[in-house]
């Protein structure tokens, strides 16, 4: 461990307004099933009552979807991000969920001291422990010209080092409890064009797989999720028009539509639950069967 935290007793900021335009491309049957799933998920017992979770980059997009799914599963959640106003909006929205109003932790996982500050505040607010860590912070870093070392290092910090630092901080308490869940949201390991995030994503996936082997004996699982095209502000910038979205979907996504943040949230909640105790070291794509998945 490179950092220690005495507070324990025992890093893709993704804003996500839903795109009704994109959803028009979903088959009617799929949309009907989707609506049913959202209604029925309130009745799913994942045996997570009393557990605690920290979700990073939770002020919008996938992070909000994850926080919502965990809160609905009776998990007490701490949400972190850089902007208090955005986090307050999320907390207010989730206040009526079974897990109660999330704790807000303002901080930047990309700074050297950020992970320690965030983990300490979250643990203190959650009763001294974090049972479930969701490393969601990260973002694409396309390279369109020359990129200096600082650019590459920033991407490595945001997309890998932040998650590693936070994880190192929560592992001791998880070992003491002999139970824990570490779930990291990753991305493309091989990009079709130069992108400083891809090598960092590869590092995250490789490290997570090895860590899973080392922590399995303590009842701790470590898994990664690789989202495809999910309706977030970042993705909608890549496909700003209805036609561009329709063209991409037709060529690449057999499911016929972009995913939503709750598609990732559902999987996170399941992986966090005792029901997924034998799933460890997995890297799971959530992309509607996208063509060219390796990219």
C-alpha atoms as a PDB file:
ATOM      1  CA  UNK A   1       0.000   0.000   0.000  1.00  0.00           C
ATOM      2  CA  UNK A   2       1.388   3.396  -0.903  1.00  0.00           C
ATOM      3  CA  UNK A   3      -0.862   5.340   1.445  1.00  0.00           C
ATOM      4  CA  UNK A   4      -2.242   4.664   4.922  1.00  0.00           C
ATOM      5  CA  UNK A   5      -5.410   6.058   6.446  1.00  0.00           C
ATOM      6  CA  UNK A   6      -5.992   6.158  10.183  1.00  0.00           C
ATOM      7  CA  UNK A   7      -9.662   7.070   9.743  1.00  0.00           C
ATOM      8  CA  UNK A   8     -10.517   3.399   9.146  1.00  0.00           C
ATOM      9  CA  UNK A   9     -11.363   1.484  12.246  1.00  0.00           C
ATOM     10  CA  UNK A  10     -11.736  -1.911  11.017  1.00  0.00           C
ATOM     11  CA  UNK A  11     -11.164   8.115 -10.852  1.00  0.00           C
ATOM     12  CA  UNK A  12     -15.428   9.715 -15.963  1.00  0.00           C
ATOM     13  CA  UNK A  13     -17.423  12.495 -14.656  1.00  0.00           C
ATOM     14  CA  UNK A  14     -20.392  11.563 -16.715  1.00  0.00           C
ATOM     15  CA  UNK A  15     -23.428  13.847 -16.725  1.00  0.00           C
ATOM     16  CA  UNK A  16     -26.296  11.921 -18.203  1.00  0.00           C
ATOM     17  CA  UNK A  17     -29.468  13.558 -19.401  1.00  0.00           C
ATOM     18  CA  UNK A  18     -31.519  10.867 -21.034  1.00  0.00           C
ATOM     19  CA  UNK A  19     -31.823  11.158 -24.759  1.00  0.00           C
ATOM     20  CA  UNK A  20     -35.351  10.544 -25.907  1.00  0.00           C
ATOM     21  CA  UNK A  21     -34.113  10.866 -29.444  1.00  0.00           C
ATOM     22  CA  UNK A  22     -31.763   7.934 -29.063  1.00  0.00           C
ATOM     23  CA  UNK A  23     -34.376   5.826 -27.306  1.00  0.00           C
ATOM     24  CA  UNK A  24     -36.595   6.057 -30.370  1.00  0.00           C
ATOM     25  CA  UNK A  25     -34.261   3.588 -31.996  1.00  0.00           C
ATOM     26  CA  UNK A  26     -34.980   0.936 -29.370  1.00  0.00           C
ATOM     27  CA  UNK A  27     -37.465  -1.753 -30.449  1.00  0.00           C
ATOM     28  CA  UNK A  28     -40.880  -1.382 -28.851  1.00  0.00           C
ATOM     29  CA  UNK A  29     -40.568  -4.764 -27.121  1.00  0.00           C
ATOM     30  CA  UNK A  30     -37.227  -3.776 -25.654  1.00  0.00           C
ATOM     31  CA  UNK A  31     -38.629  -0.510 -24.321  1.00  0.00           C
ATOM     32  CA  UNK A  32     -41.596  -2.298 -22.784  1.00  0.00           C
ATOM     33  CA  UNK A  33     -39.290  -4.784 -21.106  1.00  0.00           C
ATOM     34  CA  UNK A  34     -37.075  -1.919 -19.960  1.00  0.00           C
ATOM     35  CA  UNK A  35     -40.005  -0.198 -18.263  1.00  0.00           C
ATOM     36  CA  UNK A  36     -41.013  -3.428 -16.538  1.00  0.00           C
ATOM     37  CA  UNK A  37     -37.471  -3.956 -15.313  1.00  0.00           C
ATOM     38  CA  UNK A  38     -37.340  -0.484 -13.781  1.00  0.00           C
ATOM     39  CA  UNK A  39     -40.595  -1.169 -11.916  1.00  0.00           C
ATOM     40  CA  UNK A  40     -39.615  -4.636 -10.719  1.00  0.00           C
ATOM     41  CA  UNK A  41     -36.124  -3.758  -9.563  1.00  0.00           C
ATOM     42  CA  UNK A  42     -37.607  -2.211  -6.418  1.00  0.00           C
ATOM     43  CA  UNK A  43     -38.746  -5.721  -5.426  1.00  0.00           C
ATOM     44  CA  UNK A  44     -35.405  -7.457  -5.972  1.00  0.00           C
ATOM     45  CA  UNK A  45     -33.778  -8.581  -2.728  1.00  0.00           C
ATOM     46  CA  UNK A  46     -30.000  -8.500  -3.147  1.00  0.00           C
ATOM     47  CA  UNK A  47     -29.312  -9.024   0.555  1.00  0.00           C
ATOM     48  CA  UNK A  48     -27.402  -5.758   0.812  1.00  0.00           C
ATOM     49  CA  UNK A  49     -29.294  -4.178   3.692  1.00  0.00           C
ATOM     50  CA  UNK A  50     -26.846  -2.551   6.097  1.00  0.00           C
ATOM     51  CA  UNK A  51     -23.945  -2.468   3.656  1.00  0.00           C
ATOM     52  CA  UNK A  52     -22.147   0.764   2.824  1.00  0.00           C
ATOM     53  CA  UNK A  53     -20.743   2.052  -0.464  1.00  0.00           C
ATOM     54  CA  UNK A  54     -18.624   4.831  -1.899  1.00  0.00           C
ATOM     55  CA  UNK A  55     -19.285   5.785  -5.521  1.00  0.00           C
ATOM     56  CA  UNK A  56     -16.865   8.201  -7.174  1.00  0.00           C
ATOM     57  CA  UNK A  57     -17.748  10.622  -9.977  1.00  0.00           C
ATOM     58  CA  UNK A  58     -21.383  10.307  -8.921  1.00  0.00           C
ATOM     59  CA  UNK A  59     -22.676  13.776  -9.779  1.00  0.00           C
ATOM     60  CA  UNK A  60     -24.206  12.543 -13.041  1.00  0.00           C
ATOM     61  CA  UNK A  61     -24.281   9.865 -15.680  1.00  0.00           C
ATOM     62  CA  UNK A  62     -23.126   6.369 -14.848  1.00  0.00           C
ATOM     63  CA  UNK A  63     -22.145   7.347 -11.313  1.00  0.00           C
ATOM     64  CA  UNK A  64     -25.662   8.518 -10.554  1.00  0.00           C
ATOM     65  CA  UNK A  65     -27.115   5.348 -12.068  1.00  0.00           C
ATOM     66  CA  UNK A  66     -24.864   3.244  -9.851  1.00  0.00           C
ATOM     67  CA  UNK A  67     -25.670   5.241  -6.717  1.00  0.00           C
ATOM     68  CA  UNK A  68     -29.382   4.915  -7.450  1.00  0.00           C
ATOM     69  CA  UNK A  69     -29.227   1.146  -7.915  1.00  0.00           C
ATOM     70  CA  UNK A  70     -27.301   0.666  -4.692  1.00  0.00           C
ATOM     71  CA  UNK A  71     -29.579   2.985  -2.737  1.00  0.00           C
ATOM     72  CA  UNK A  72     -32.601   1.065  -3.997  1.00  0.00           C
ATOM     73  CA  UNK A  73     -30.949  -2.118  -2.705  1.00  0.00           C
ATOM     74  CA  UNK A  74     -30.885  -0.633   0.830  1.00  0.00           C
ATOM     75  CA  UNK A  75     -27.191   0.270   0.717  1.00  0.00           C
ATOM     76  CA  UNK A  76     -26.078   3.394   2.573  1.00  0.00           C
ATOM     77  CA  UNK A  77     -24.226   5.334  -0.100  1.00  0.00           C
ATOM     78  CA  UNK A  78     -21.627   8.085  -0.116  1.00  0.00           C
ATOM     79  CA  UNK A  79     -21.332   9.926  -3.414  1.00  0.00           C
ATOM     80  CA  UNK A  80     -18.259  11.907  -4.365  1.00  0.00           C
ATOM     81  CA  UNK A  81     -17.441  14.427  -7.049  1.00  0.00           C
ATOM     82  CA  UNK A  82     -15.886  17.829  -7.562  1.00  0.00           C
ATOM     83  CA  UNK A  83     -19.052  19.953  -7.547  1.00  0.00           C
ATOM     84  CA  UNK A  84     -21.254  20.153  -4.451  1.00  0.00           C
ATOM     85  CA  UNK A  85     -24.248  21.618  -6.286  1.00  0.00           C
ATOM     86  CA  UNK A  86     -24.422  18.649  -8.647  1.00  0.00           C
ATOM     87  CA  UNK A  87     -24.016  16.168  -5.815  1.00  0.00           C
ATOM     88  CA  UNK A  88     -26.767  17.907  -3.844  1.00  0.00           C
ATOM     89  CA  UNK A  89     -29.153  17.425  -6.757  1.00  0.00           C
ATOM     90  CA  UNK A  90     -28.337  13.717  -6.912  1.00  0.00           C
ATOM     91  CA  UNK A  91     -28.685  13.318  -3.146  1.00  0.00           C
ATOM     92  CA  UNK A  92     -32.065  15.046  -3.182  1.00  0.00           C
ATOM     93  CA  UNK A  93     -33.268  12.775  -5.982  1.00  0.00           C
ATOM     94  CA  UNK A  94     -32.184   9.639  -4.114  1.00  0.00           C
ATOM     95  CA  UNK A  95     -33.349  10.736  -0.667  1.00  0.00           C
ATOM     96  CA  UNK A  96     -36.518   8.658  -0.882  1.00  0.00           C
ATOM     97  CA  UNK A  97     -34.728   5.435  -1.824  1.00  0.00           C
ATOM     98  CA  UNK A  98     -34.467   2.581   0.639  1.00  0.00           C
ATOM     99  CA  UNK A  99     -30.859   3.395   1.508  1.00  0.00           C
ATOM    100  CA  UNK A 100     -31.749   6.947   2.487  1.00  0.00           C
ATOM    101  CA  UNK A 101     -30.222  10.243   1.417  1.00  0.00           C
ATOM    102  CA  UNK A 102     -26.634   9.693   0.246  1.00  0.00           C
ATOM    103  CA  UNK A 103     -23.720  11.274   2.058  1.00  0.00           C
ATOM    104  CA  UNK A 104     -21.961  13.934  -0.024  1.00  0.00           C
ATOM    105  CA  UNK A 105     -18.176  14.009  -0.212  1.00  0.00           C
ATOM    106  CA  UNK A 106     -16.673  16.802  -2.311  1.00  0.00           C
ATOM    107  CA  UNK A 107     -13.210  15.994  -3.590  1.00  0.00           C
ATOM    108  CA  UNK A 108     -11.053  15.321  -6.620  1.00  0.00           C
ATOM    109  CA  UNK A 109      -9.715  11.786  -7.016  1.00  0.00           C
ATOM    110  CA  UNK A 110      -7.259  13.094  -9.586  1.00  0.00           C
ATOM    111  CA  UNK A 111      -5.217  15.033  -7.031  1.00  0.00           C
ATOM    112  CA  UNK A 112      -2.530  13.342  -4.981  1.00  0.00           C
ATOM    113  CA  UNK A 113      -4.315  13.750  -1.664  1.00  0.00           C
ATOM    114  CA  UNK A 114      -7.823  13.469  -3.078  1.00  0.00           C
ATOM    115  CA  UNK A 115      -8.373   9.713  -2.644  1.00  0.00           C
ATOM    116  CA  UNK A 116      -7.296   9.756   1.011  1.00  0.00           C
ATOM    117  CA  UNK A 117      -9.530  12.733   1.801  1.00  0.00           C
ATOM    118  CA  UNK A 118     -12.532  11.220   0.028  1.00  0.00           C
ATOM    119  CA  UNK A 119     -12.114   7.788   1.589  1.00  0.00           C
ATOM    120  CA  UNK A 120     -11.645   9.199   5.095  1.00  0.00           C
ATOM    121  CA  UNK A 121     -14.734  11.432   4.907  1.00  0.00           C
ATOM    122  CA  UNK A 122     -16.862   8.682   3.394  1.00  0.00           C
ATOM    123  CA  UNK A 123     -15.789   6.102   5.969  1.00  0.00           C
ATOM    124  CA  UNK A 124     -16.448   8.505   8.846  1.00  0.00           C
ATOM    125  CA  UNK A 125     -19.945   9.257   7.530  1.00  0.00           C
ATOM    126  CA  UNK A 126     -20.721   5.587   6.915  1.00  0.00           C
ATOM    127  CA  UNK A 127     -19.848   4.348  10.368  1.00  0.00           C
ATOM    128  CA  UNK A 128     -16.164   3.646   9.931  1.00  0.00           C
ATOM    129  CA  UNK A 129     -16.159   1.320   6.958  1.00  0.00           C
ATOM    130  CA  UNK A 130     -16.733   1.111   3.222  1.00  0.00           C
ATOM    131  CA  UNK A 131     -18.052  -2.307   2.193  1.00  0.00           C
ATOM    132  CA  UNK A 132     -18.438  -1.527  -1.506  1.00  0.00           C
ATOM    133  CA  UNK A 133     -16.140   0.699  -3.523  1.00  0.00           C
ATOM    134  CA  UNK A 134     -17.174   1.764  -7.021  1.00  0.00           C
ATOM    135  CA  UNK A 135     -14.335   3.431  -8.901  1.00  0.00           C
ATOM    136  CA  UNK A 136     -16.213   5.361 -11.548  1.00  0.00           C
ATOM    137  CA  UNK A 137     -13.979   8.371 -12.209  1.00  0.00           C
ATOM    138  CA  UNK A 138     -12.359   8.468 -15.625  1.00  0.00           C
ATOM    139  CA  UNK A 139     -12.614  10.028 -19.063  1.00  0.00           C
ATOM    140  CA  UNK A 140     -11.373   9.698 -22.617  1.00  0.00           C
ATOM    141  CA  UNK A 141      -8.224  11.587 -23.514  1.00  0.00           C
ATOM    142  CA  UNK A 142      -8.022  11.702 -27.322  1.00  0.00           C
ATOM    143  CA  UNK A 143      -4.745  12.644 -28.936  1.00  0.00           C
ATOM    144  CA  UNK A 144      -5.202  14.831 -31.979  1.00  0.00           C
ATOM    145  CA  UNK A 145      -1.671  16.197 -32.230  1.00  0.00           C
ATOM    146  CA  UNK A 146       1.385  16.110 -30.058  1.00  0.00           C
ATOM    147  CA  UNK A 147       0.781  15.171 -26.425  1.00  0.00           C
ATOM    148  CA  UNK A 148       3.373  15.876 -23.763  1.00  0.00           C
ATOM    149  CA  UNK A 149       4.150  13.726 -20.736  1.00  0.00           C
ATOM    150  CA  UNK A 150       1.863  15.767 -18.523  1.00  0.00           C
ATOM    151  CA  UNK A 151      -1.132  14.877 -20.703  1.00  0.00           C
ATOM    152  CA  UNK A 152      -0.370  11.161 -20.531  1.00  0.00           C
ATOM    153  CA  UNK A 153       0.326  11.295 -16.813  1.00  0.00           C
ATOM    154  CA  UNK A 154      -2.953  13.086 -16.109  1.00  0.00           C
ATOM    155  CA  UNK A 155      -4.829  10.383 -17.995  1.00  0.00           C
ATOM    156  CA  UNK A 156      -3.013   7.603 -16.145  1.00  0.00           C
ATOM    157  CA  UNK A 157      -3.805   9.271 -12.821  1.00  0.00           C
ATOM    158  CA  UNK A 158      -7.489   9.795 -13.577  1.00  0.00           C
ATOM    159  CA  UNK A 159      -8.174   6.461 -15.262  1.00  0.00           C
ATOM    160  CA  UNK A 160      -5.987   4.161 -13.161  1.00  0.00           C
ATOM    161  CA  UNK A 161      -3.975   5.630 -10.294  1.00  0.00           C
ATOM    162  CA  UNK A 162      -6.979   7.225  -8.584  1.00  0.00           C
ATOM    163  CA  UNK A 163      -8.776   3.878  -8.466  1.00  0.00           C
ATOM    164  CA  UNK A 164      -5.656   2.113  -7.199  1.00  0.00           C
ATOM    165  CA  UNK A 165      -5.102   4.674  -4.451  1.00  0.00           C
ATOM    166  CA  UNK A 166      -8.700   4.544  -3.262  1.00  0.00           C
ATOM    167  CA  UNK A 167      -8.727   0.768  -3.355  1.00  0.00           C
ATOM    168  CA  UNK A 168      -5.536   0.530  -1.315  1.00  0.00           C
ATOM    169  CA  UNK A 169      -7.216   2.632   1.354  1.00  0.00           C
ATOM    170  CA  UNK A 170     -10.351   0.498   1.748  1.00  0.00           C
ATOM    171  CA  UNK A 171      -8.719  -2.936   1.586  1.00  0.00           C
ATOM    172  CA  UNK A 172      -7.561  -3.121   5.243  1.00  0.00           C
ATOM    173  CA  UNK A 173     -11.076  -2.655   6.616  1.00  0.00           C
ATOM    174  CA  UNK A 174     -12.486  -5.111   4.080  1.00  0.00           C
ATOM    175  CA  UNK A 175      -9.898  -7.684   5.127  1.00  0.00           C
ATOM    176  CA  UNK A 176     -10.821  -7.153   8.760  1.00  0.00           C
ATOM    177  CA  UNK A 177     -14.503  -7.726   7.930  1.00  0.00           C
ATOM    178  CA  UNK A 178     -13.597 -10.592   5.580  1.00  0.00           C
ATOM    179  CA  UNK A 179     -16.039  -9.148   3.081  1.00  0.00           C
ATOM    180  CA  UNK A 180     -15.821  -6.478   0.425  1.00  0.00           C
ATOM    181  CA  UNK A 181     -16.590  -5.516  -3.132  1.00  0.00           C
ATOM    182  CA  UNK A 182     -14.347  -3.472  -5.435  1.00  0.00           C
ATOM    183  CA  UNK A 183     -15.937  -2.605  -8.762  1.00  0.00           C
ATOM    184  CA  UNK A 184     -14.216  -0.380 -11.291  1.00  0.00           C
ATOM    185  CA  UNK A 185     -15.768   1.183 -14.367  1.00  0.00           C
ATOM    186  CA  UNK A 186     -13.265   0.864 -17.183  1.00  0.00           C
ATOM    187  CA  UNK A 187     -13.325   1.542 -20.925  1.00  0.00           C
ATOM    188  CA  UNK A 188     -11.736   0.582 -24.225  1.00  0.00           C
ATOM    189  CA  UNK A 189      -8.386  -1.161 -23.829  1.00  0.00           C
ATOM    190  CA  UNK A 190      -7.494  -0.666 -27.484  1.00  0.00           C
ATOM    191  CA  UNK A 191      -8.794   2.521 -29.086  1.00  0.00           C
ATOM    192  CA  UNK A 192      -9.393   2.911 -32.849  1.00  0.00           C
ATOM    193  CA  UNK A 193      -7.453   6.184 -32.650  1.00  0.00           C
ATOM    194  CA  UNK A 194      -4.769   7.298 -30.235  1.00  0.00           C
ATOM    195  CA  UNK A 195      -6.271   7.933 -26.819  1.00  0.00           C
ATOM    196  CA  UNK A 196      -4.299   8.293 -23.618  1.00  0.00           C
ATOM    197  CA  UNK A 197      -7.105   6.660 -21.653  1.00  0.00           C
ATOM    198  CA  UNK A 198      -6.782   3.256 -23.345  1.00  0.00           C
ATOM    199  CA  UNK A 199      -3.417   2.219 -21.800  1.00  0.00           C
ATOM    200  CA  UNK A 200      -4.701   3.397 -18.417  1.00  0.00           C
ATOM    201  CA  UNK A 201      -7.840   1.284 -18.855  1.00  0.00           C
ATOM    202  CA  UNK A 202      -5.657  -1.694 -19.724  1.00  0.00           C
ATOM    203  CA  UNK A 203      -3.642  -1.124 -16.560  1.00  0.00           C
ATOM    204  CA  UNK A 204      -6.855  -0.972 -14.508  1.00  0.00           C
ATOM    205  CA  UNK A 205      -8.136  -4.247 -15.965  1.00  0.00           C
ATOM    206  CA  UNK A 206      -4.822  -6.062 -15.503  1.00  0.00           C
ATOM    207  CA  UNK A 207      -4.311  -4.825 -11.953  1.00  0.00           C
ATOM    208  CA  UNK A 208      -7.905  -5.672 -11.000  1.00  0.00           C
ATOM    209  CA  UNK A 209      -7.536  -9.242 -12.267  1.00  0.00           C
ATOM    210  CA  UNK A 210      -4.396  -9.857 -10.206  1.00  0.00           C
ATOM    211  CA  UNK A 211      -5.824  -8.123  -7.142  1.00  0.00           C
ATOM    212  CA  UNK A 212      -8.865 -10.392  -7.330  1.00  0.00           C
ATOM    213  CA  UNK A 213      -6.606 -13.418  -6.962  1.00  0.00           C
ATOM    214  CA  UNK A 214      -4.854 -11.953  -3.940  1.00  0.00           C
ATOM    215  CA  UNK A 215      -7.997 -10.849  -2.091  1.00  0.00           C
ATOM    216  CA  UNK A 216     -10.356 -13.722  -2.836  1.00  0.00           C
ATOM    217  CA  UNK A 217      -9.403 -15.599   0.328  1.00  0.00           C
ATOM    218  CA  UNK A 218     -10.674 -12.648   2.386  1.00  0.00           C
ATOM    219  CA  UNK A 219     -14.172 -12.716   0.899  1.00  0.00           C
ATOM    220  CA  UNK A 220     -13.367  -9.702  -1.289  1.00  0.00           C
ATOM    221  CA  UNK A 221     -14.206  -9.693  -4.978  1.00  0.00           C
ATOM    222  CA  UNK A 222     -12.684  -7.367  -7.568  1.00  0.00           C
ATOM    223  CA  UNK A 223     -14.372  -6.885 -10.925  1.00  0.00           C
ATOM    224  CA  UNK A 224     -14.408  -4.377 -13.764  1.00  0.00           C
ATOM    225  CA  UNK A 225     -17.209  -3.236 -16.044  1.00  0.00           C
ATOM    226  CA  UNK A 226     -16.587  -1.908 -19.552  1.00  0.00           C
ATOM    227  CA  UNK A 227     -19.561   0.189 -20.686  1.00  0.00           C
ATOM    228  CA  UNK A 228     -20.368   0.604 -24.335  1.00  0.00           C
ATOM    229  CA  UNK A 229     -22.344   3.566 -25.593  1.00  0.00           C
ATOM    230  CA  UNK A 230     -24.314   4.773 -22.575  1.00  0.00           C
ATOM    231  CA  UNK A 231     -26.480   7.884 -22.755  1.00  0.00           C
ATOM    232  CA  UNK A 232     -24.259  10.364 -20.940  1.00  0.00           C
ATOM    233  CA  UNK A 233     -23.224  13.897 -21.794  1.00  0.00           C
ATOM    234  CA  UNK A 234     -19.802  12.642 -22.840  1.00  0.00           C
ATOM    235  CA  UNK A 235     -21.236  10.125 -25.283  1.00  0.00           C
ATOM    236  CA  UNK A 236     -23.821  12.537 -26.626  1.00  0.00           C
ATOM    237  CA  UNK A 237     -20.990  14.905 -27.535  1.00  0.00           C
ATOM    238  CA  UNK A 238     -19.647  12.144 -29.784  1.00  0.00           C
ATOM    239  CA  UNK A 239     -23.066  11.717 -31.405  1.00  0.00           C
ATOM    240  CA  UNK A 240     -24.711  15.155 -31.257  1.00  0.00           C
ATOM    241  CA  UNK A 241     -27.506  14.513 -33.762  1.00  0.00           C
ATOM    242  CA  UNK A 242     -30.242  11.943 -33.964  1.00  0.00           C
ATOM    243  CA  UNK A 243     -28.945  10.855 -37.362  1.00  0.00           C
ATOM    244  CA  UNK A 244     -25.400  10.317 -36.090  1.00  0.00           C
ATOM    245  CA  UNK A 245     -26.728   8.211 -33.251  1.00  0.00           C
ATOM    246  CA  UNK A 246     -28.949   6.190 -35.565  1.00  0.00           C
ATOM    247  CA  UNK A 247     -26.055   5.566 -37.952  1.00  0.00           C
ATOM    248  CA  UNK A 248     -23.743   4.410 -35.176  1.00  0.00           C
ATOM    249  CA  UNK A 249     -26.392   2.160 -33.664  1.00  0.00           C
ATOM    250  CA  UNK A 250     -27.195   0.559 -37.018  1.00  0.00           C
ATOM    251  CA  UNK A 251     -23.556  -0.223 -37.705  1.00  0.00           C
ATOM    252  CA  UNK A 252     -22.394  -1.231 -34.240  1.00  0.00           C
ATOM    253  CA  UNK A 253     -25.060  -2.144 -31.683  1.00  0.00           C
ATOM    254  CA  UNK A 254     -27.216  -5.227 -32.302  1.00  0.00           C
ATOM    255  CA  UNK A 255     -29.510  -4.303 -29.411  1.00  0.00           C
ATOM    256  CA  UNK A 256     -30.638  -1.291 -31.444  1.00  0.00           C
ATOM    257  CA  UNK A 257     -30.150   1.511 -28.915  1.00  0.00           C
ATOM    258  CA  UNK A 258     -27.705   3.158 -26.544  1.00  0.00           C
ATOM    259  CA  UNK A 259     -27.708   1.972 -22.961  1.00  0.00           C
ATOM    260  CA  UNK A 260     -28.733   3.999 -19.916  1.00  0.00           C
ATOM    261  CA  UNK A 261     -26.828   4.603 -16.659  1.00  0.00           C
ATOM    262  CA  UNK A 262     -29.125   2.224 -14.803  1.00  0.00           C
ATOM    263  CA  UNK A 263     -27.972  -0.593 -17.098  1.00  0.00           C
ATOM    264  CA  UNK A 264     -24.574  -0.241 -15.452  1.00  0.00           C
ATOM    265  CA  UNK A 265     -26.153   0.353 -12.044  1.00  0.00           C
ATOM    266  CA  UNK A 266     -28.064  -2.918 -12.142  1.00  0.00           C
ATOM    267  CA  UNK A 267     -24.897  -4.889 -12.794  1.00  0.00           C
ATOM    268  CA  UNK A 268     -22.958  -3.069 -10.087  1.00  0.00           C
ATOM    269  CA  UNK A 269     -25.683  -3.809  -7.537  1.00  0.00           C
ATOM    270  CA  UNK A 270     -25.648  -7.488  -8.470  1.00  0.00           C
ATOM    271  CA  UNK A 271     -21.845  -7.754  -8.362  1.00  0.00           C
ATOM    272  CA  UNK A 272     -21.911  -6.045  -4.970  1.00  0.00           C
ATOM    273  CA  UNK A 273     -24.373  -8.547  -3.573  1.00  0.00           C
ATOM    274  CA  UNK A 274     -23.710 -11.898  -1.866  1.00  0.00           C
ATOM    275  CA  UNK A 275     -25.434 -13.484  -4.859  1.00  0.00           C
ATOM    276  CA  UNK A 276     -22.323 -12.722  -6.929  1.00  0.00           C
ATOM    277  CA  UNK A 277     -19.843 -14.145  -4.426  1.00  0.00           C
ATOM    278  CA  UNK A 278     -18.236 -16.487  -7.006  1.00  0.00           C
ATOM    279  CA  UNK A 279     -17.736 -13.806  -9.656  1.00  0.00           C
ATOM    280  CA  UNK A 280     -14.222 -12.506  -9.126  1.00  0.00           C
ATOM    281  CA  UNK A 281     -11.639 -11.081 -11.500  1.00  0.00           C
ATOM    282  CA  UNK A 282     -14.176 -10.611 -14.294  1.00  0.00           C
ATOM    283  CA  UNK A 283     -14.160  -7.862 -16.919  1.00  0.00           C
ATOM    284  CA  UNK A 284     -17.745  -7.558 -18.077  1.00  0.00           C
ATOM    285  CA  UNK A 285     -18.820  -5.590 -21.168  1.00  0.00           C
ATOM    286  CA  UNK A 286     -22.192  -3.833 -21.050  1.00  0.00           C
ATOM    287  CA  UNK A 287     -22.593  -2.712 -24.631  1.00  0.00           C
ATOM    288  CA  UNK A 288     -25.627  -4.283 -26.263  1.00  0.00           C
ATOM    289  CA  UNK A 289     -23.434  -6.778 -28.105  1.00  0.00           C
ATOM    290  CA  UNK A 290     -21.473  -4.007 -29.813  1.00  0.00           C
ATOM    291  CA  UNK A 291     -19.445  -4.903 -32.867  1.00  0.00           C
ATOM    292  CA  UNK A 292     -15.730  -4.244 -32.544  1.00  0.00           C
ATOM    293  CA  UNK A 293     -15.950  -4.745 -28.769  1.00  0.00           C
ATOM    294  CA  UNK A 294     -12.180  -4.837 -28.371  1.00  0.00           C
ATOM    295  CA  UNK A 295     -12.085  -1.238 -29.525  1.00  0.00           C
END
